[in-house]
N, C-alpha and C. Protein backbone atom coordinates (compact mmCIF):
# COMPACT_ATOMS: atom_id res chain seq x y z
N MET A 1 6.60 -15.00 12.12
CA MET A 1 5.63 -14.08 11.12
C MET A 1 5.11 -15.25 10.51
N LYS A 2 3.82 -15.17 10.75
CA LYS A 2 2.54 -15.98 10.24
C LYS A 2 2.50 -15.57 8.77
N PHE A 3 2.57 -16.31 7.81
CA PHE A 3 2.18 -16.33 6.29
C PHE A 3 1.33 -16.80 5.54
N THR A 4 0.00 -15.48 5.02
CA THR A 4 -0.91 -16.17 4.27
C THR A 4 -0.41 -16.00 2.61
N ILE A 5 -0.03 -16.98 1.86
CA ILE A 5 0.24 -16.62 0.25
C ILE A 5 -1.03 -17.38 -0.22
N VAL A 6 -1.29 -16.81 -0.86
CA VAL A 6 -2.26 -16.82 -2.22
C VAL A 6 -1.78 -16.79 -3.46
N GLY A 7 -1.90 -17.71 -4.64
CA GLY A 7 -1.98 -17.39 -6.12
C GLY A 7 -3.23 -16.58 -6.93
N LYS A 8 -3.40 -15.97 -7.53
CA LYS A 8 -4.22 -15.84 -8.45
C LYS A 8 -3.53 -16.17 -9.98
N ASN A 9 -3.91 -16.59 -10.80
CA ASN A 9 -3.22 -17.23 -12.32
C ASN A 9 -2.11 -17.94 -12.05
N ILE A 10 -1.51 -18.30 -10.86
CA ILE A 10 -0.66 -18.90 -10.67
C ILE A 10 -0.49 -19.91 -9.53
N GLU A 11 -0.07 -20.78 -9.88
CA GLU A 11 0.33 -21.84 -8.75
C GLU A 11 1.26 -21.73 -7.61
N VAL A 12 1.47 -21.58 -6.30
CA VAL A 12 2.57 -21.09 -5.65
C VAL A 12 2.81 -22.52 -5.24
N THR A 13 4.20 -22.50 -5.94
CA THR A 13 5.15 -23.84 -5.56
C THR A 13 5.95 -23.89 -4.30
N GLU A 14 6.25 -24.88 -4.12
CA GLU A 14 7.35 -24.81 -2.86
C GLU A 14 8.30 -23.69 -3.10
N GLY A 15 9.45 -23.40 -4.53
CA GLY A 15 10.24 -22.70 -4.74
C GLY A 15 9.61 -21.08 -4.25
N LEU A 16 8.52 -21.16 -4.61
CA LEU A 16 8.03 -19.56 -4.76
C LEU A 16 7.62 -19.27 -3.25
N ARG A 17 6.93 -20.33 -2.95
CA ARG A 17 6.62 -20.17 -1.11
C ARG A 17 7.76 -19.66 -0.27
N SER A 18 9.07 -20.61 -0.83
CA SER A 18 9.89 -20.83 0.04
C SER A 18 11.08 -19.12 0.02
N ALA A 19 10.75 -18.81 -1.54
CA ALA A 19 11.19 -17.55 -2.03
C ALA A 19 10.92 -16.53 -1.33
N VAL A 20 9.62 -16.35 -0.89
CA VAL A 20 8.63 -15.44 0.00
C VAL A 20 8.77 -15.17 1.15
N GLU A 21 9.08 -16.70 1.68
CA GLU A 21 9.03 -16.86 3.33
C GLU A 21 10.51 -16.37 3.41
N ASP A 22 11.63 -16.69 2.80
CA ASP A 22 12.87 -16.15 2.77
C ASP A 22 13.24 -14.97 3.05
N LYS A 23 12.68 -14.05 1.60
CA LYS A 23 12.65 -12.73 1.54
C LYS A 23 12.03 -11.79 2.31
N ILE A 24 10.72 -12.04 2.20
CA ILE A 24 9.46 -11.48 3.48
C ILE A 24 10.50 -11.60 4.66
N GLY A 25 10.62 -12.78 5.20
CA GLY A 25 10.87 -13.21 6.55
C GLY A 25 12.16 -12.29 7.16
N LYS A 26 12.61 -11.80 6.26
CA LYS A 26 14.23 -10.74 6.72
C LYS A 26 13.81 -9.80 7.31
N LEU A 27 12.52 -9.52 7.25
CA LEU A 27 11.55 -8.32 7.84
C LEU A 27 11.36 -8.79 9.62
N GLU A 28 11.67 -10.17 9.51
CA GLU A 28 10.91 -10.34 10.80
C GLU A 28 11.87 -9.90 12.24
N LYS A 29 12.72 -9.28 11.78
CA LYS A 29 14.13 -8.09 12.78
C LYS A 29 13.21 -7.40 13.19
N TYR A 30 11.87 -6.71 12.47
CA TYR A 30 11.02 -5.25 13.09
C TYR A 30 10.01 -5.50 13.46
N PHE A 31 9.13 -6.95 12.90
CA PHE A 31 8.30 -7.29 13.76
C PHE A 31 7.84 -8.39 14.72
N ALA A 32 6.62 -8.03 15.65
CA ALA A 32 6.71 -9.53 16.70
C ALA A 32 7.06 -10.71 16.38
N GLU A 33 6.91 -11.74 16.59
CA GLU A 33 6.67 -13.14 16.36
C GLU A 33 5.25 -13.53 15.78
N ASP A 34 3.96 -12.70 15.95
CA ASP A 34 2.52 -13.25 15.87
C ASP A 34 2.06 -12.34 14.53
N THR A 35 3.29 -11.77 14.03
CA THR A 35 2.71 -10.68 12.98
C THR A 35 2.15 -11.50 11.82
N GLU A 36 0.97 -11.23 11.35
CA GLU A 36 0.57 -11.50 9.90
C GLU A 36 0.84 -11.39 8.66
N VAL A 37 1.32 -11.72 8.07
CA VAL A 37 1.63 -11.36 6.53
C VAL A 37 0.98 -11.81 5.41
N HIS A 38 0.27 -11.33 4.52
CA HIS A 38 -0.68 -11.82 3.76
C HIS A 38 0.09 -11.43 2.24
N VAL A 39 0.22 -12.56 1.40
CA VAL A 39 1.09 -12.00 0.51
C VAL A 39 0.22 -12.61 -0.49
N THR A 40 -0.22 -12.07 -1.72
CA THR A 40 -0.75 -12.88 -2.96
C THR A 40 0.01 -12.60 -4.26
N LEU A 41 0.21 -13.44 -5.15
CA LEU A 41 0.79 -13.38 -6.12
C LEU A 41 0.20 -13.85 -7.38
N SER A 42 0.28 -12.76 -8.76
CA SER A 42 -0.36 -13.17 -9.48
C SER A 42 0.36 -12.55 -10.63
N VAL A 43 -0.50 -13.37 -11.66
CA VAL A 43 0.40 -13.19 -13.12
C VAL A 43 -0.92 -12.69 -13.89
N GLU A 44 -0.63 -11.58 -14.86
CA GLU A 44 -1.45 -11.06 -15.76
C GLU A 44 -0.80 -11.26 -17.17
N LYS A 45 -0.46 -11.71 -17.80
CA LYS A 45 -0.09 -11.85 -19.39
C LYS A 45 1.41 -11.33 -18.87
N GLU A 46 2.39 -10.49 -19.44
CA GLU A 46 3.85 -10.71 -19.01
C GLU A 46 3.98 -10.30 -17.49
N ARG A 47 2.75 -9.43 -16.62
CA ARG A 47 3.13 -9.02 -15.39
C ARG A 47 3.56 -10.09 -14.37
N GLN A 48 4.24 -10.32 -13.35
CA GLN A 48 4.33 -11.15 -12.44
C GLN A 48 4.41 -9.98 -11.30
N LYS A 49 3.18 -10.04 -10.28
CA LYS A 49 3.05 -8.92 -9.47
C LYS A 49 2.78 -9.51 -8.39
N ILE A 50 3.58 -9.15 -7.28
CA ILE A 50 3.29 -9.83 -5.65
C ILE A 50 2.90 -8.17 -4.99
N GLU A 51 1.77 -8.51 -3.96
CA GLU A 51 1.10 -7.78 -3.09
C GLU A 51 1.25 -8.47 -1.47
N VAL A 52 1.80 -7.20 -0.86
CA VAL A 52 2.27 -7.94 0.54
C VAL A 52 1.24 -6.91 1.46
N THR A 53 0.51 -7.16 2.10
CA THR A 53 0.09 -6.63 3.26
C THR A 53 0.35 -6.75 4.76
N ILE A 54 0.84 -6.20 5.56
CA ILE A 54 1.17 -6.42 7.09
C ILE A 54 0.12 -5.71 8.03
N PRO A 55 -0.47 -5.94 8.51
CA PRO A 55 -1.61 -5.20 9.28
C PRO A 55 -1.08 -5.03 11.03
N VAL A 56 -0.85 -3.72 11.33
CA VAL A 56 -0.57 -3.68 12.73
C VAL A 56 -1.57 -2.44 13.04
N LYS A 57 -1.61 -2.85 14.74
CA LYS A 57 -2.39 -1.99 15.05
C LYS A 57 -2.82 -0.56 14.75
N GLY A 58 -3.63 -0.22 14.26
CA GLY A 58 -4.20 1.39 13.53
C GLY A 58 -3.75 1.78 12.08
N ASN A 59 -2.78 0.72 11.95
CA ASN A 59 -2.26 1.11 10.14
C ASN A 59 -1.97 -0.38 9.70
N ILE A 60 -1.92 -0.24 8.32
CA ILE A 60 -1.52 -1.26 7.14
C ILE A 60 -0.10 -0.57 6.36
N ILE A 61 0.74 -1.95 6.75
CA ILE A 61 1.69 -1.58 5.77
C ILE A 61 1.39 -2.49 4.66
N ARG A 62 2.03 -1.82 3.25
CA ARG A 62 1.70 -2.30 2.13
C ARG A 62 2.48 -2.26 1.02
N SER A 63 3.07 -3.10 0.00
CA SER A 63 3.67 -2.78 -0.88
C SER A 63 3.00 -3.72 -2.35
N GLU A 64 3.11 -3.30 -3.10
CA GLU A 64 3.29 -3.88 -4.50
C GLU A 64 4.04 -3.78 -5.85
N GLN A 65 4.52 -4.93 -6.15
CA GLN A 65 5.53 -4.69 -6.88
C GLN A 65 5.12 -5.50 -8.11
N VAL A 66 5.97 -4.92 -9.79
CA VAL A 66 5.53 -5.80 -10.79
C VAL A 66 6.79 -5.65 -11.68
N SER A 67 7.07 -7.23 -12.07
CA SER A 67 8.11 -7.19 -12.81
C SER A 67 7.80 -8.12 -13.90
N SER A 68 8.91 -8.48 -14.86
CA SER A 68 8.61 -9.64 -15.64
C SER A 68 8.43 -11.53 -14.83
N ASP A 69 9.79 -11.01 -13.83
CA ASP A 69 9.70 -12.12 -13.29
C ASP A 69 9.80 -12.15 -11.72
N MET A 70 8.87 -13.02 -11.34
CA MET A 70 8.27 -13.27 -9.78
C MET A 70 9.23 -12.98 -9.12
N TYR A 71 10.47 -13.50 -8.85
CA TYR A 71 11.46 -13.46 -8.02
C TYR A 71 12.05 -12.26 -7.85
N VAL A 72 12.05 -11.31 -8.98
CA VAL A 72 12.42 -9.85 -8.82
C VAL A 72 11.55 -9.11 -8.22
N SER A 73 10.21 -9.42 -8.59
CA SER A 73 9.47 -8.80 -7.72
C SER A 73 8.96 -9.22 -5.95
N ILE A 74 9.46 -10.10 -5.98
CA ILE A 74 9.46 -10.74 -4.56
C ILE A 74 11.11 -9.86 -3.64
N ASP A 75 11.85 -10.12 -4.26
CA ASP A 75 13.13 -8.85 -3.90
C ASP A 75 12.82 -7.29 -3.67
N LEU A 76 12.12 -7.29 -4.84
CA LEU A 76 11.98 -5.67 -4.78
C LEU A 76 10.75 -4.94 -3.97
N VAL A 77 9.84 -6.15 -3.44
CA VAL A 77 8.99 -5.70 -2.39
C VAL A 77 9.40 -5.64 -1.17
N GLU A 78 10.34 -6.73 -0.86
CA GLU A 78 10.98 -6.71 0.38
C GLU A 78 11.57 -5.51 0.83
N GLU A 79 12.59 -4.69 0.04
CA GLU A 79 13.20 -3.48 -0.14
C GLU A 79 12.39 -2.33 0.40
N ILE A 80 10.90 -2.55 -0.33
CA ILE A 80 10.35 -1.24 -0.40
C ILE A 80 9.71 -1.08 0.93
N ILE A 81 9.33 -2.57 1.33
CA ILE A 81 8.63 -2.33 2.97
C ILE A 81 9.83 -2.05 3.84
N GLU A 82 10.91 -2.26 3.90
CA GLU A 82 12.05 -2.20 4.93
C GLU A 82 12.44 -0.63 4.80
N ARG A 83 12.24 -0.08 3.29
CA ARG A 83 12.68 1.59 3.36
C ARG A 83 11.46 2.16 3.99
N GLN A 84 10.10 1.45 3.91
CA GLN A 84 8.84 2.48 4.52
C GLN A 84 9.04 2.23 6.11
N LEU A 85 9.08 1.06 6.99
CA LEU A 85 9.02 0.97 7.84
C LEU A 85 10.67 2.27 8.68
N LYS A 86 11.31 2.11 7.59
CA LYS A 86 12.54 3.06 8.66
C LYS A 86 12.13 4.27 8.40
N LYS A 87 11.42 4.75 7.20
CA LYS A 87 10.95 6.18 6.84
C LYS A 87 9.71 6.61 7.65
N TYR A 88 9.11 5.60 8.02
CA TYR A 88 7.84 5.92 8.50
C TYR A 88 8.06 5.38 10.59
N LYS A 89 9.06 5.01 10.89
CA LYS A 89 9.06 4.62 12.03
C LYS A 89 8.50 5.12 13.13
N ASN A 90 8.55 6.49 13.23
CA ASN A 90 8.09 7.29 14.53
C ASN A 90 6.48 7.64 14.66
N LYS A 91 6.22 7.56 13.21
CA LYS A 91 4.82 7.70 12.80
C LYS A 91 4.04 6.53 13.06
N LEU A 92 4.16 5.43 13.09
CA LEU A 92 3.79 3.91 12.88
C LEU A 92 3.80 3.90 14.10
N ILE A 93 5.00 4.11 15.13
CA ILE A 93 4.92 3.76 16.52
C ILE A 93 4.35 4.62 17.61
N ASP A 94 3.52 4.67 18.12
CA ASP A 94 2.90 5.22 19.28
C ASP A 94 3.28 4.30 20.35
N LYS A 95 4.10 4.99 21.28
CA LYS A 95 4.39 4.23 22.42
C LYS A 95 3.35 3.27 23.30
N LYS A 96 2.12 3.94 23.35
CA LYS A 96 1.19 3.18 24.10
C LYS A 96 0.41 2.09 23.13
N GLN A 97 0.26 2.08 22.26
CA GLN A 97 -0.27 1.18 21.58
C GLN A 97 0.50 0.25 20.53
N ALA A 98 1.21 0.61 19.21
CA ALA A 98 1.36 -0.10 18.28
C ALA A 98 2.79 -0.35 18.72
N ALA A 99 3.33 -0.43 19.68
CA ALA A 99 4.63 -0.68 19.98
C ALA A 99 4.84 -2.11 20.05
N SER A 100 3.81 -2.74 20.74
CA SER A 100 3.79 -3.89 20.92
C SER A 100 3.40 -4.96 19.72
N CYS A 101 3.22 -4.11 18.72
CA CYS A 101 3.19 -5.10 17.06
C CYS A 101 4.94 -5.43 16.66
N PHE A 102 6.09 -4.71 17.43
CA PHE A 102 6.94 -4.34 16.70
C PHE A 102 8.16 -5.02 17.64
N LYS A 103 8.99 -5.35 17.38
CA LYS A 103 10.66 -5.99 18.03
C LYS A 103 11.18 -4.86 19.02
N GLN A 104 11.34 -4.67 20.02
CA GLN A 104 11.62 -3.58 20.85
C GLN A 104 13.18 -3.25 20.17
N GLU A 105 13.92 -4.21 19.72
CA GLU A 105 14.92 -3.48 18.70
C GLU A 105 14.71 -2.21 17.92
N PHE A 106 13.48 -2.57 17.52
CA PHE A 106 13.40 -1.51 16.05
C PHE A 106 12.40 -0.31 16.63
N VAL A 107 12.07 -0.25 17.91
CA VAL A 107 11.02 0.57 18.67
C VAL A 107 11.98 1.66 19.09
N GLU A 108 13.07 1.09 19.86
CA GLU A 108 14.13 1.87 20.52
C GLU A 108 15.19 2.42 19.38
N LYS A 109 15.22 1.72 18.43
CA LYS A 109 16.44 2.38 16.98
C LYS A 109 15.98 3.48 16.55
N ASP A 110 16.92 4.47 16.43
CA ASP A 110 16.75 5.33 16.01
C ASP A 110 16.85 5.46 14.17
N TYR A 111 16.22 5.86 12.96
CA TYR A 111 16.42 5.70 11.65
C TYR A 111 16.30 7.18 11.49
N LEU A 112 17.44 7.36 10.44
CA LEU A 112 17.44 8.85 9.69
C LEU A 112 16.30 8.60 8.55
N GLU A 113 15.62 9.96 9.06
CA GLU A 113 14.43 9.79 7.60
C GLU A 113 14.62 10.43 6.89
N ASP A 114 14.73 9.67 5.62
CA ASP A 114 15.25 10.59 4.09
C ASP A 114 14.53 11.61 4.00
N GLU A 115 13.18 11.82 3.74
CA GLU A 115 12.50 13.17 3.75
C GLU A 115 11.12 12.56 4.95
N GLU A 116 10.92 14.12 5.72
CA GLU A 116 9.96 14.27 6.35
C GLU A 116 8.43 14.33 5.41
N VAL A 117 7.60 14.51 6.11
CA VAL A 117 6.67 14.19 5.08
C VAL A 117 6.47 15.92 5.03
N GLN A 118 6.24 16.93 4.25
CA GLN A 118 5.70 18.20 4.14
C GLN A 118 4.90 18.38 3.40
N ILE A 119 3.95 19.29 3.63
CA ILE A 119 2.86 19.84 2.67
C ILE A 119 3.30 21.16 2.32
N ILE A 120 3.99 21.05 1.00
CA ILE A 120 4.09 22.44 0.37
C ILE A 120 3.57 23.41 -0.38
N ARG A 121 1.91 22.77 -0.63
CA ARG A 121 0.93 23.55 -1.18
C ARG A 121 0.02 23.40 -0.92
N THR A 122 -1.16 24.27 -0.34
CA THR A 122 -2.52 24.41 -0.20
C THR A 122 -3.40 24.98 -1.26
N LYS A 123 -4.48 24.14 -1.85
CA LYS A 123 -5.51 24.59 -2.90
C LYS A 123 -6.61 24.69 -2.17
N LYS A 124 -7.40 25.83 -2.53
CA LYS A 124 -9.31 25.77 -2.10
C LYS A 124 -9.53 25.64 -3.19
N PHE A 125 -10.54 25.03 -3.57
CA PHE A 125 -11.57 25.38 -5.20
C PHE A 125 -13.04 24.86 -4.43
N ASP A 126 -13.74 25.40 -5.15
CA ASP A 126 -15.01 25.11 -4.83
C ASP A 126 -15.36 23.88 -5.25
N ILE A 127 -16.42 23.24 -4.35
CA ILE A 127 -16.90 21.88 -4.72
C ILE A 127 -18.07 21.66 -5.22
N LYS A 128 -18.46 21.36 -6.67
CA LYS A 128 -19.43 21.48 -7.13
C LYS A 128 -20.13 20.30 -7.46
N PRO A 129 -21.57 19.92 -7.31
CA PRO A 129 -21.95 18.82 -6.84
C PRO A 129 -21.81 18.13 -8.55
N MET A 130 -21.29 16.94 -8.51
CA MET A 130 -21.47 16.32 -10.11
C MET A 130 -21.60 14.81 -10.14
N TYR A 131 -22.06 14.22 -11.01
CA TYR A 131 -21.60 12.61 -11.37
C TYR A 131 -20.39 12.13 -11.39
N PRO A 132 -20.22 10.90 -10.67
CA PRO A 132 -18.64 10.40 -10.85
C PRO A 132 -17.91 10.68 -12.38
N GLU A 133 -18.81 10.32 -13.52
CA GLU A 133 -18.45 9.94 -15.07
C GLU A 133 -18.02 11.29 -15.08
N ASP A 134 -18.89 12.53 -14.99
CA ASP A 134 -18.43 13.67 -15.18
C ASP A 134 -17.19 14.41 -14.13
N ALA A 135 -17.09 14.02 -12.88
CA ALA A 135 -16.15 14.12 -12.49
C ALA A 135 -14.63 13.55 -13.00
N CYS A 136 -14.83 12.22 -14.01
CA CYS A 136 -13.67 11.87 -14.54
C CYS A 136 -13.44 12.52 -15.77
N VAL A 137 -14.00 12.92 -16.22
CA VAL A 137 -13.95 13.65 -17.54
C VAL A 137 -13.41 15.16 -17.14
N GLN A 138 -13.70 15.94 -15.98
CA GLN A 138 -13.33 16.85 -15.29
C GLN A 138 -11.54 16.77 -15.20
N MET A 139 -11.48 15.74 -14.70
CA MET A 139 -10.30 15.07 -14.17
C MET A 139 -9.15 14.99 -15.26
N GLU A 140 -9.64 14.42 -16.32
CA GLU A 140 -8.92 14.50 -17.79
C GLU A 140 -8.38 15.74 -18.13
N LEU A 141 -9.84 16.47 -17.93
CA LEU A 141 -9.50 17.62 -18.59
C LEU A 141 -8.05 18.44 -17.92
N LEU A 142 -8.38 18.29 -16.67
CA LEU A 142 -6.89 19.11 -15.67
C LEU A 142 -5.90 18.53 -15.83
N GLY A 143 -5.59 16.95 -16.59
CA GLY A 143 -4.58 16.44 -16.79
C GLY A 143 -4.07 15.87 -15.21
N HIS A 144 -5.06 15.44 -14.22
CA HIS A 144 -4.41 15.03 -12.61
C HIS A 144 -5.07 13.28 -12.71
N SER A 145 -4.45 12.86 -11.83
CA SER A 145 -4.57 11.43 -11.54
C SER A 145 -5.84 11.43 -10.56
N PHE A 146 -6.34 12.13 -9.85
CA PHE A 146 -7.50 12.30 -9.00
C PHE A 146 -8.12 13.65 -9.12
N PHE A 147 -9.46 13.22 -8.57
CA PHE A 147 -10.42 14.78 -8.67
C PHE A 147 -11.12 14.77 -7.84
N VAL A 148 -11.72 15.73 -6.46
CA VAL A 148 -12.53 15.37 -5.47
C VAL A 148 -13.43 16.40 -5.55
N PHE A 149 -14.71 15.60 -5.72
CA PHE A 149 -15.99 16.31 -6.01
C PHE A 149 -16.99 15.98 -4.97
N CYS A 150 -18.18 17.03 -5.43
CA CYS A 150 -19.43 16.43 -4.42
C CYS A 150 -19.96 15.39 -5.20
N ASN A 151 -20.82 14.49 -5.03
CA ASN A 151 -21.10 13.57 -5.49
C ASN A 151 -22.84 13.75 -5.52
N ALA A 152 -23.32 14.07 -7.02
CA ALA A 152 -24.43 14.22 -6.84
C ALA A 152 -26.04 13.62 -6.74
N GLU A 153 -25.66 12.64 -7.14
CA GLU A 153 -26.46 11.53 -6.26
C GLU A 153 -26.61 11.47 -4.62
N THR A 154 -25.23 11.31 -3.89
CA THR A 154 -25.33 11.25 -2.68
C THR A 154 -24.95 12.34 -1.79
N ASP A 155 -24.67 13.46 -2.17
CA ASP A 155 -24.10 14.73 -1.75
C ASP A 155 -22.90 14.55 -0.82
N GLN A 156 -21.91 13.59 -0.94
CA GLN A 156 -21.01 13.31 -0.23
C GLN A 156 -19.37 13.59 -1.00
N VAL A 157 -18.74 14.25 -0.06
CA VAL A 157 -17.37 14.18 -0.97
C VAL A 157 -16.83 12.84 -1.62
N ASN A 158 -16.55 12.69 -2.39
CA ASN A 158 -15.93 11.59 -3.23
C ASN A 158 -14.47 11.69 -3.91
N VAL A 159 -13.95 10.95 -4.47
CA VAL A 159 -12.90 11.07 -5.06
C VAL A 159 -12.79 9.95 -6.15
N VAL A 160 -12.78 10.30 -7.85
CA VAL A 160 -12.31 9.79 -8.31
C VAL A 160 -10.76 9.60 -8.48
N TYR A 161 -10.01 8.47 -9.38
CA TYR A 161 -8.75 8.49 -9.44
C TYR A 161 -8.59 7.49 -10.55
N LYS A 162 -7.75 7.76 -11.38
CA LYS A 162 -7.00 7.15 -12.81
C LYS A 162 -6.23 5.73 -12.04
N ARG A 163 -6.84 4.48 -12.73
CA ARG A 163 -6.28 3.20 -12.59
C ARG A 163 -5.31 3.01 -13.53
N LYS A 164 -4.37 1.90 -13.22
CA LYS A 164 -3.78 0.96 -14.46
C LYS A 164 -4.96 0.67 -15.46
N GLY A 165 -4.18 0.87 -16.36
CA GLY A 165 -4.95 0.32 -17.64
C GLY A 165 -6.01 1.22 -18.34
N ASN A 166 -6.06 2.55 -17.74
CA ASN A 166 -7.05 3.57 -18.38
C ASN A 166 -8.32 3.18 -17.91
N THR A 167 -8.31 2.56 -16.70
CA THR A 167 -9.53 2.68 -15.80
C THR A 167 -10.16 3.84 -14.56
N TYR A 168 -10.91 3.67 -14.07
CA TYR A 168 -11.41 4.94 -12.94
C TYR A 168 -11.81 4.20 -11.78
N GLY A 169 -11.55 4.72 -10.75
CA GLY A 169 -11.71 4.33 -9.48
C GLY A 169 -12.47 5.23 -8.55
N LEU A 170 -13.50 4.59 -7.91
CA LEU A 170 -14.32 5.99 -7.15
C LEU A 170 -14.16 5.60 -5.39
N ILE A 171 -13.76 6.53 -4.85
CA ILE A 171 -13.82 6.34 -2.84
C ILE A 171 -14.56 7.28 -2.87
N GLU A 172 -15.76 6.09 -1.81
CA GLU A 172 -16.60 7.05 -1.27
C GLU A 172 -16.82 6.69 0.30
N PRO A 173 -16.93 7.51 1.26
CA PRO A 173 -16.42 7.40 2.60
C PRO A 173 -18.13 6.45 3.08
N GLU A 174 -17.59 5.98 3.90
CA GLU A 174 -18.69 4.35 4.55
C GLU A 174 -19.57 5.81 5.28
N ASN A 175 -20.94 5.06 5.70
CA ASN A 175 -21.75 6.10 6.77
C ASN A 175 -21.84 5.08 8.04
């Protein structure tokens, strides 16, 4: 695995680099040797955050963990990614394409899926044109963490969502 480790508001010391490479390196048993792993370590007040992104053909495996100790965050993120890999193995690996990104043992081994992805409810609703700010207000009134709407400015379907720190995000389609 090839690591790219960067720090935001934190110096990436040899100890941190070693901890990341050792812990995330345990995932090497799943991936091909030339797999790239992008790691961002950051500190905001008391929050020690690690973000790990592993691009594989057609998919991105990603996890983000926050704790009061960077080494705890590193431990947590490795466990989450390993769980994701086992849970979604069959969906990640299309035998014709993405299998080359993973080691043969991982491709051939069957893992019990903890939970199948199941859609248990379908909702239909009228999408009314509105501005993103109005969509945020509507989302808050409904008590949801996201809201799908037709953007009155672009006439395209957009999504607003609630972010950490009581801020909002907007998802727009690319043209």
